[in-house]
Protein backbone atom coordinates (compact mmCIF):
# COMPACT_ATOMS: atom_id res chain seq x y z
CA UNK A 1 152.82 -49.95 -17.92
CA UNK A 2 152.12 -53.68 -17.86
CA UNK A 3 151.16 -55.92 -14.97
CA UNK A 4 153.41 -56.97 -12.12
CA UNK A 5 153.63 -60.75 -12.38
CA UNK A 6 154.92 -63.06 -9.66
CA UNK A 7 156.45 -66.31 -10.95
CA UNK A 8 156.87 -68.94 -8.25
CA UNK A 9 159.75 -71.23 -9.17
CA UNK A 10 160.67 -68.58 -11.69
CA UNK A 11 164.43 -69.17 -11.56
CA UNK A 12 163.90 -72.58 -13.16
CA UNK A 13 163.98 -73.61 -16.79
CA UNK A 14 160.54 -72.44 -17.90
CA UNK A 15 160.46 -69.52 -15.49
CA UNK A 16 163.59 -67.87 -16.89
CA UNK A 17 162.25 -68.03 -20.45
CA UNK A 18 158.85 -66.76 -19.30
CA UNK A 19 160.42 -63.88 -17.39
CA UNK A 20 162.17 -62.68 -20.55
CA UNK A 21 158.97 -63.01 -22.58
CA UNK A 22 156.96 -60.99 -20.05
CA UNK A 23 159.61 -58.29 -19.66
CA UNK A 24 159.79 -57.88 -23.44
CA UNK A 25 156.06 -57.11 -23.39
CA UNK A 26 156.40 -54.39 -20.78
CA UNK A 27 155.33 -56.40 -17.73
CA UNK A 28 157.24 -56.25 -14.46
CA UNK A 29 158.43 -59.59 -13.10
CA UNK A 30 159.09 -60.76 -9.56
CA UNK A 31 160.46 -64.25 -8.93
CA UNK A 32 160.23 -66.38 -5.80
CA UNK A 33 162.46 -69.46 -5.89
CA UNK A 34 164.21 -71.64 -3.30
CA UNK A 35 167.03 -72.66 -5.72
CA UNK A 36 167.07 -76.34 -4.71
CA UNK A 37 170.40 -78.10 -5.20
CA UNK A 38 169.05 -80.84 -7.50
CA UNK A 39 168.05 -78.22 -10.09
CA UNK A 40 170.38 -75.31 -9.46
CA UNK A 41 173.46 -77.04 -8.05
CA UNK A 42 173.53 -74.83 -4.97
CA UNK A 43 174.01 -71.70 -7.05
CA UNK A 44 172.81 -68.23 -6.18
CA UNK A 45 170.72 -66.20 -8.62
CA UNK A 46 171.10 -67.94 -12.03
CA UNK A 47 173.39 -66.05 -14.38
CA UNK A 48 170.93 -66.25 -17.27
CA UNK A 49 168.00 -64.86 -15.28
CA UNK A 50 167.09 -61.52 -16.85
CA UNK A 51 168.63 -58.72 -14.78
CA UNK A 52 165.36 -56.75 -14.96
CA UNK A 53 163.53 -59.51 -13.08
CA UNK A 54 163.28 -58.95 -9.33
CA UNK A 55 164.55 -62.06 -7.53
CA UNK A 56 163.61 -63.22 -4.05
CA UNK A 57 165.08 -66.31 -2.44
CA UNK A 58 162.34 -68.18 -0.60
CA UNK A 59 160.30 -71.36 -0.34
CA UNK A 60 156.71 -71.43 -1.60
CA UNK A 61 155.83 -73.32 1.60
CA UNK A 62 156.94 -70.36 3.74
CA UNK A 63 153.88 -68.15 4.39
CA UNK A 64 155.98 -65.08 5.23
CA UNK A 65 158.01 -65.39 2.01
CA UNK A 66 154.86 -65.82 -0.09
CA UNK A 67 153.04 -62.99 1.67
CA UNK A 68 155.93 -60.64 1.00
CA UNK A 69 156.31 -61.74 -2.62
CA UNK A 70 152.61 -61.09 -3.33
CA UNK A 71 152.66 -57.43 -2.30
CA UNK A 72 151.77 -55.22 -5.24
CA UNK A 73 151.31 -58.15 -7.61
CA UNK A 74 148.58 -58.21 -10.29
CA UNK A 75 148.91 -61.79 -11.57
CA UNK A 76 150.66 -65.03 -10.57
CA UNK A 77 152.23 -67.86 -12.54
CA UNK A 78 152.66 -70.86 -10.26
CA UNK A 79 155.57 -72.99 -11.51
CA UNK A 80 157.14 -73.98 -8.17
CA UNK A 81 157.13 -77.78 -8.03
CA UNK A 82 159.22 -80.89 -7.65
CA UNK A 83 159.38 -82.49 -11.10
CA UNK A 84 159.93 -86.13 -12.05
CA UNK A 85 157.64 -89.14 -12.33
CA UNK A 86 160.22 -91.71 -11.23
CA UNK A 87 161.54 -89.85 -8.19
CA UNK A 88 158.03 -88.99 -7.04
CA UNK A 89 157.35 -92.69 -6.48
CA UNK A 90 159.83 -92.84 -3.60
CA UNK A 91 160.24 -89.19 -2.47
CA UNK A 92 156.53 -89.09 -1.72
CA UNK A 93 156.53 -86.72 1.24
CA UNK A 94 158.78 -84.23 -0.54
CA UNK A 95 156.67 -84.11 -3.71
CA UNK A 96 153.38 -83.78 -1.84
CA UNK A 97 154.87 -81.15 0.47
CA UNK A 98 156.30 -78.89 -2.22
CA UNK A 99 153.66 -79.34 -4.89
CA UNK A 100 150.45 -79.53 -2.90
CA UNK A 101 151.21 -77.95 0.46
CA UNK A 102 153.13 -75.24 -1.42
CA UNK A 103 150.07 -74.51 -3.55
CA UNK A 104 147.89 -74.45 -0.45
CA UNK A 105 150.21 -71.91 1.22
CA UNK A 106 150.15 -69.77 -1.93
CA UNK A 107 146.34 -69.69 -1.96
CA UNK A 108 146.11 -69.14 1.78
CA UNK A 109 148.06 -65.92 1.20
CA UNK A 110 146.10 -65.07 -1.96
CA UNK A 111 142.91 -65.07 0.11
CA UNK A 112 144.32 -62.07 1.96
CA UNK A 113 146.04 -60.52 -1.08
CA UNK A 114 144.00 -61.54 -4.14
CA UNK A 115 145.26 -60.97 -7.67
CA UNK A 116 143.39 -60.81 -10.97
CA UNK A 117 144.59 -64.11 -12.43
CA UNK A 118 146.54 -67.22 -11.35
CA UNK A 119 148.01 -69.53 -14.01
CA UNK A 120 149.25 -72.92 -12.78
CA UNK A 121 151.58 -75.31 -14.57
CA UNK A 122 149.79 -78.64 -14.72
CA UNK A 123 150.99 -81.71 -16.62
CA UNK A 124 150.00 -84.21 -19.29
CA UNK A 125 150.87 -86.86 -16.69
CA UNK A 126 147.42 -86.44 -15.14
CA UNK A 127 145.89 -88.23 -18.14
CA UNK A 128 147.83 -91.43 -17.44
CA UNK A 129 147.44 -93.45 -20.60
CA UNK A 130 145.89 -91.11 -23.10
CA UNK A 131 142.81 -91.67 -25.21
CA UNK A 132 142.70 -94.91 -27.24
CA UNK A 133 140.54 -96.63 -29.88
CA UNK A 134 139.92 -100.37 -29.92
CA UNK A 135 139.54 -102.70 -32.90
CA UNK A 136 135.77 -102.05 -33.00
CA UNK A 137 136.34 -98.30 -33.27
CA UNK A 138 135.23 -97.55 -29.70
CA UNK A 139 136.93 -94.66 -27.90
CA UNK A 140 138.44 -95.61 -24.54
CA UNK A 141 139.49 -93.13 -21.86
CA UNK A 142 140.08 -95.52 -18.95
CA UNK A 143 142.93 -97.62 -20.36
CA UNK A 144 145.30 -99.06 -17.75
CA UNK A 145 148.34 -101.14 -18.69
CA UNK A 146 148.52 -104.44 -16.87
CA UNK A 147 151.91 -105.71 -15.58
CA UNK A 148 153.76 -107.69 -18.24
CA UNK A 149 153.65 -111.43 -17.61
CA UNK A 150 156.80 -112.28 -19.56
CA UNK A 151 159.54 -110.92 -21.83
CA UNK A 152 157.42 -111.48 -24.95
CA UNK A 153 154.34 -109.72 -23.60
CA UNK A 154 153.43 -106.49 -25.43
CA UNK A 155 154.33 -103.10 -23.98
CA UNK A 156 151.31 -101.50 -25.62
CA UNK A 157 147.88 -101.67 -23.99
CA UNK A 158 145.57 -104.30 -25.45
CA UNK A 159 141.86 -105.02 -25.22
CA UNK A 160 140.29 -108.01 -23.47
CA UNK A 161 140.97 -110.24 -26.48
CA UNK A 162 144.61 -109.19 -26.73
CA UNK A 163 144.14 -106.89 -29.73
CA UNK A 164 146.33 -103.76 -29.69
CA UNK A 165 144.75 -100.40 -28.92
CA UNK A 166 145.47 -97.36 -31.09
CA UNK A 167 146.52 -94.13 -29.31
CA UNK A 168 144.46 -91.05 -30.17
CA UNK A 169 145.05 -87.33 -29.54
CA UNK A 170 143.95 -86.67 -25.97
CA UNK A 171 141.60 -83.71 -25.32
CA UNK A 172 141.16 -81.85 -22.05
CA UNK A 173 137.85 -83.60 -21.31
CA UNK A 174 139.52 -86.98 -20.96
CA UNK A 175 139.10 -88.21 -17.38
CA UNK A 176 142.25 -88.20 -15.22
CA UNK A 177 144.09 -91.47 -14.63
CA UNK A 178 146.71 -90.67 -12.02
CA UNK A 179 149.49 -93.23 -12.44
CA UNK A 180 152.24 -91.60 -10.31
CA UNK A 181 152.66 -89.46 -7.21
CA UNK A 182 153.81 -86.64 -9.49
CA UNK A 183 150.58 -86.87 -11.50
CA UNK A 184 148.51 -86.84 -8.30
CA UNK A 185 150.25 -83.71 -7.03
CA UNK A 186 149.91 -81.87 -10.34
CA UNK A 187 146.20 -82.63 -10.45
CA UNK A 188 145.81 -81.32 -6.91
CA UNK A 189 147.65 -78.13 -7.90
CA UNK A 190 145.32 -77.74 -10.85
CA UNK A 191 142.13 -78.34 -8.87
CA UNK A 192 143.18 -76.04 -6.00
CA UNK A 193 143.74 -73.27 -8.54
CA UNK A 194 140.49 -73.76 -10.46
CA UNK A 195 138.47 -74.15 -7.25
CA UNK A 196 139.89 -71.40 -5.04
CA UNK A 197 140.58 -68.68 -7.59
CA UNK A 198 136.92 -68.04 -8.55
CA UNK A 199 135.81 -68.48 -4.93
CA UNK A 200 137.80 -65.34 -4.12
CA UNK A 201 137.01 -63.37 -7.29
CA UNK A 202 140.21 -64.32 -9.08
CA UNK A 203 140.60 -65.98 -12.47
CA UNK A 204 142.26 -69.40 -12.59
CA UNK A 205 143.91 -71.04 -15.60
CA UNK A 206 145.68 -74.41 -15.88
CA UNK A 207 148.15 -75.34 -18.61
CA UNK A 208 148.80 -79.06 -19.05
CA UNK A 209 152.35 -79.20 -20.38
CA UNK A 210 153.80 -81.99 -22.49
CA UNK A 211 157.58 -82.68 -22.67
CA UNK A 212 159.30 -79.29 -22.60
CA UNK A 213 162.83 -78.98 -23.98
CA UNK A 214 165.34 -76.29 -24.92
CA UNK A 215 168.48 -74.49 -23.74
CA UNK A 216 168.74 -73.86 -20.01
CA UNK A 217 167.33 -77.13 -18.68
CA UNK A 218 169.14 -78.65 -15.68
CA UNK A 219 171.50 -81.17 -17.30
CA UNK A 220 172.74 -82.68 -14.02
CA UNK A 221 169.23 -83.42 -12.72
CA UNK A 222 168.45 -87.05 -13.65
CA UNK A 223 164.72 -86.45 -13.13
CA UNK A 224 164.35 -83.48 -15.47
CA UNK A 225 162.93 -83.64 -19.01
CA UNK A 226 163.92 -86.66 -21.05
CA UNK A 227 165.73 -84.64 -23.74
CA UNK A 228 167.94 -82.95 -21.13
CA UNK A 229 168.72 -86.37 -19.63
CA UNK A 230 169.63 -87.75 -23.06
CA UNK A 231 171.74 -84.64 -23.78
CA UNK A 232 173.64 -85.04 -20.51
CA UNK A 233 174.45 -88.67 -21.32
CA UNK A 234 175.57 -87.88 -24.88
CA UNK A 235 177.61 -84.89 -23.70
CA UNK A 236 179.53 -87.33 -21.48
CA UNK A 237 179.88 -89.85 -24.36
CA UNK A 238 177.41 -92.23 -22.74
CA UNK A 239 174.38 -93.81 -24.44
CA UNK A 240 170.93 -92.42 -23.68
CA UNK A 241 169.06 -94.90 -21.49
CA UNK A 242 165.55 -95.71 -22.70
CA UNK A 243 163.02 -97.70 -20.71
CA UNK A 244 160.73 -100.32 -22.29
CA UNK A 245 161.39 -100.81 -26.03
CA UNK A 246 161.78 -97.18 -27.06
CA UNK A 247 158.60 -97.14 -29.16
CA UNK A 248 156.54 -95.16 -26.65
CA UNK A 249 155.34 -91.91 -28.22
CA UNK A 250 155.76 -88.42 -26.80
CA UNK A 251 155.27 -84.82 -27.92
CA UNK A 252 158.21 -82.47 -27.37
CA UNK A 253 157.52 -78.74 -27.21
CA UNK A 254 160.14 -75.98 -27.20
CA UNK A 255 160.37 -73.85 -24.07
CA UNK A 256 159.88 -70.66 -26.12
CA UNK A 257 156.49 -71.96 -27.26
CA UNK A 258 155.63 -72.85 -23.67
CA UNK A 259 156.58 -69.34 -22.51
CA UNK A 260 154.30 -67.91 -25.21
CA UNK A 261 151.47 -70.14 -23.98
CA UNK A 262 151.86 -68.76 -20.45
CA UNK A 263 151.78 -65.20 -21.80
CA UNK A 264 148.54 -66.00 -23.62
CA UNK A 265 147.12 -67.58 -20.46
CA UNK A 266 147.95 -64.43 -18.50
CA UNK A 267 146.70 -61.91 -21.06
CA UNK A 268 143.87 -63.47 -23.09
CA UNK A 269 140.40 -62.59 -21.75
CA UNK A 270 138.99 -65.99 -22.77
CA UNK A 271 141.60 -67.96 -20.83
CA UNK A 272 139.89 -67.45 -17.46
CA UNK A 273 138.64 -70.70 -15.96
CA UNK A 274 140.17 -72.79 -18.73
CA UNK A 275 142.30 -75.91 -18.88
CA UNK A 276 144.55 -76.16 -21.94
CA UNK A 277 146.92 -78.73 -23.43
CA UNK A 278 150.28 -77.20 -24.40
CA UNK A 279 152.43 -79.17 -26.84
CA UNK A 280 153.86 -79.04 -30.35
CA UNK A 281 151.21 -81.17 -32.04
CA UNK A 282 153.78 -83.64 -33.42
CA UNK A 283 154.49 -86.92 -31.61
CA UNK A 284 157.57 -89.12 -32.03
CA UNK A 285 158.94 -92.31 -30.53
CA UNK A 286 161.48 -91.88 -27.76
CA UNK A 287 164.04 -93.90 -29.75
CA UNK A 288 163.59 -91.62 -32.75
CA UNK A 289 164.14 -88.56 -30.59
CA UNK A 290 167.29 -90.05 -29.04
CA UNK A 291 168.74 -90.71 -32.50
CA UNK A 292 167.90 -87.22 -33.75
CA UNK A 293 169.52 -85.64 -30.68
CA UNK A 294 172.67 -87.79 -31.05
CA UNK A 295 172.96 -86.62 -34.66
CA UNK A 296 172.46 -82.97 -33.68
CA UNK A 297 175.17 -83.30 -31.01
CA UNK A 298 177.64 -85.01 -33.35
CA UNK A 299 177.35 -88.30 -31.43
CA UNK A 300 175.70 -90.34 -34.17
CA UNK A 301 177.83 -93.39 -33.28
CA UNK A 302 176.40 -93.64 -29.76
CA UNK A 303 173.33 -95.86 -29.94
CA UNK A 304 170.81 -95.64 -27.10
CA UNK A 305 170.64 -98.35 -24.46
CA UNK A 306 167.19 -99.96 -24.64
CA UNK A 307 166.70 -101.38 -21.15
CA UNK A 308 163.68 -103.58 -21.91
CA UNK A 309 162.42 -102.71 -18.44
CA UNK A 310 159.47 -100.60 -17.37
CA UNK A 311 159.45 -97.86 -14.75
CA UNK A 312 156.62 -97.53 -12.24
CA UNK A 313 154.41 -94.54 -13.00
CA UNK A 314 155.31 -94.25 -16.69
CA UNK A 315 152.63 -94.26 -19.37
CA UNK A 316 152.99 -95.86 -22.79
CA UNK A 317 151.52 -93.22 -25.08
CA UNK A 318 149.96 -89.84 -24.50
CA UNK A 319 149.64 -87.46 -27.43
CA UNK A 320 147.85 -84.11 -27.31
CA UNK A 321 144.72 -82.74 -28.89
CA UNK A 322 145.39 -79.00 -29.26
CA UNK A 323 142.02 -78.01 -30.71
CA UNK A 324 140.85 -76.14 -27.63
CA UNK A 325 143.96 -74.02 -27.05
CA UNK A 326 144.14 -73.19 -30.77
CA UNK A 327 140.50 -72.11 -30.96
CA UNK A 328 140.27 -70.27 -27.64
CA UNK A 329 143.72 -68.69 -27.23
CA UNK A 330 145.08 -68.81 -30.77
CA UNK A 331 148.10 -70.80 -29.58
CA UNK A 332 150.35 -72.56 -32.07
CA UNK A 333 153.81 -73.99 -31.55
CA UNK A 334 156.24 -72.26 -33.91
CA UNK A 335 159.63 -73.84 -33.21
CA UNK A 336 160.77 -76.45 -35.73
CA UNK A 337 161.96 -79.58 -33.90
CA UNK A 338 165.19 -80.03 -35.88
CA UNK A 339 166.10 -76.36 -35.33
CA UNK A 340 165.25 -76.73 -31.64
CA UNK A 341 167.53 -79.76 -31.33
CA UNK A 342 170.37 -77.90 -33.07
CA UNK A 343 169.93 -75.00 -30.66
CA UNK A 344 169.91 -77.40 -27.69
CA UNK A 345 173.04 -79.19 -28.97
CA UNK A 346 174.88 -75.90 -29.39
CA UNK A 347 173.98 -74.86 -25.84
CA UNK A 348 174.88 -78.24 -24.30
CA UNK A 349 178.33 -78.11 -25.94
CA UNK A 350 179.15 -75.09 -23.77
CA UNK A 351 177.99 -76.67 -20.50
CA UNK A 352 179.35 -78.87 -17.75
CA UNK A 353 177.00 -81.79 -17.05
CA UNK A 354 177.39 -84.35 -14.28
CA UNK A 355 175.89 -87.66 -15.42
CA UNK A 356 173.70 -88.95 -12.57
CA UNK A 357 171.45 -91.22 -14.62
CA UNK A 358 172.92 -94.52 -13.39
CA UNK A 359 172.62 -93.31 -9.81
CA UNK A 360 168.95 -92.50 -10.40
CA UNK A 361 168.38 -95.90 -12.00
CA UNK A 362 169.93 -97.63 -8.97
CA UNK A 363 167.61 -95.64 -6.69
CA UNK A 364 164.59 -96.88 -8.64
CA UNK A 365 165.79 -100.48 -8.88
CA UNK A 366 166.58 -100.65 -5.17
CA UNK A 367 162.94 -99.83 -4.45
CA UNK A 368 161.54 -102.30 -6.97
CA UNK A 369 160.29 -99.49 -9.24
CA UNK A 370 161.98 -100.84 -12.40
CA UNK A 371 160.99 -104.24 -13.74
């Protein structure tokens, strides 16, 4: 019989897919989730959560709930977190409480009930601007975008002489550049895991996730993944809203590939103590992705709204270097992007989605976080 795995936040998008993947391999799965309204709409146990997964309603910040959920557990996947760069810049106490205090409570209980391995979901956001190369061929890992001084100023980072910098694949050794509250909290989650796990004879692993997409993402949450936000807008015959000029580059990875990465992180003997980028290995502009999704959803005539405004905490480019995860864990993304979009479009067509994007934009603008 396989391991008993606790997934905190396991009723969410990634957690449900991971639960199915683990159960199919003979593991037993227990889920602890508080089912917050912004993600779950006030629902009880999600209908698409595998019936063989044990579900417990509880907050990761509640020591009694965590203590109970850890009984008899062999390994932990820590997914429980508030997610969203923009919202984190004004809901500061909430993000720090759930993400960092929640992780602290988890480890306080793990000290008393240690497990063999803890895998935490980190984020590419901790890199800030990714790795760049300047016109002289020098590699730069401390790039910071300065505020634009006018409507004709470039969105892309430039060097001291105004020459554009070229984005490079970003490896795990790149120093953090924490540009948002969300990024700060994810880095704290990561460091707590990699510091405390070995101190108490446990193995810690951190997966830095890029933009995850696929069926099952919360369509009515305006701070979820960008593809789900675009899908919600298109589903309601509204244009996707894109900040800046739409040429910022991102890597989109299917949730099934992410679930496989977590399985590898739980099972592979060489994963212990490691930090790994998890992405597809193919980057695209946000505008390109919006157009491809509109075509997949049969909304080709709905052009995206390019706002020409920046959002506090956003980075321009960050693309992944997957060399380490490929060589150490044998990970490779297998889902074709066009097939993944078709699958997403088919799923969205069967859903109800409340469009809250304009409301979220007003929240950001009211606080001076969009300019």
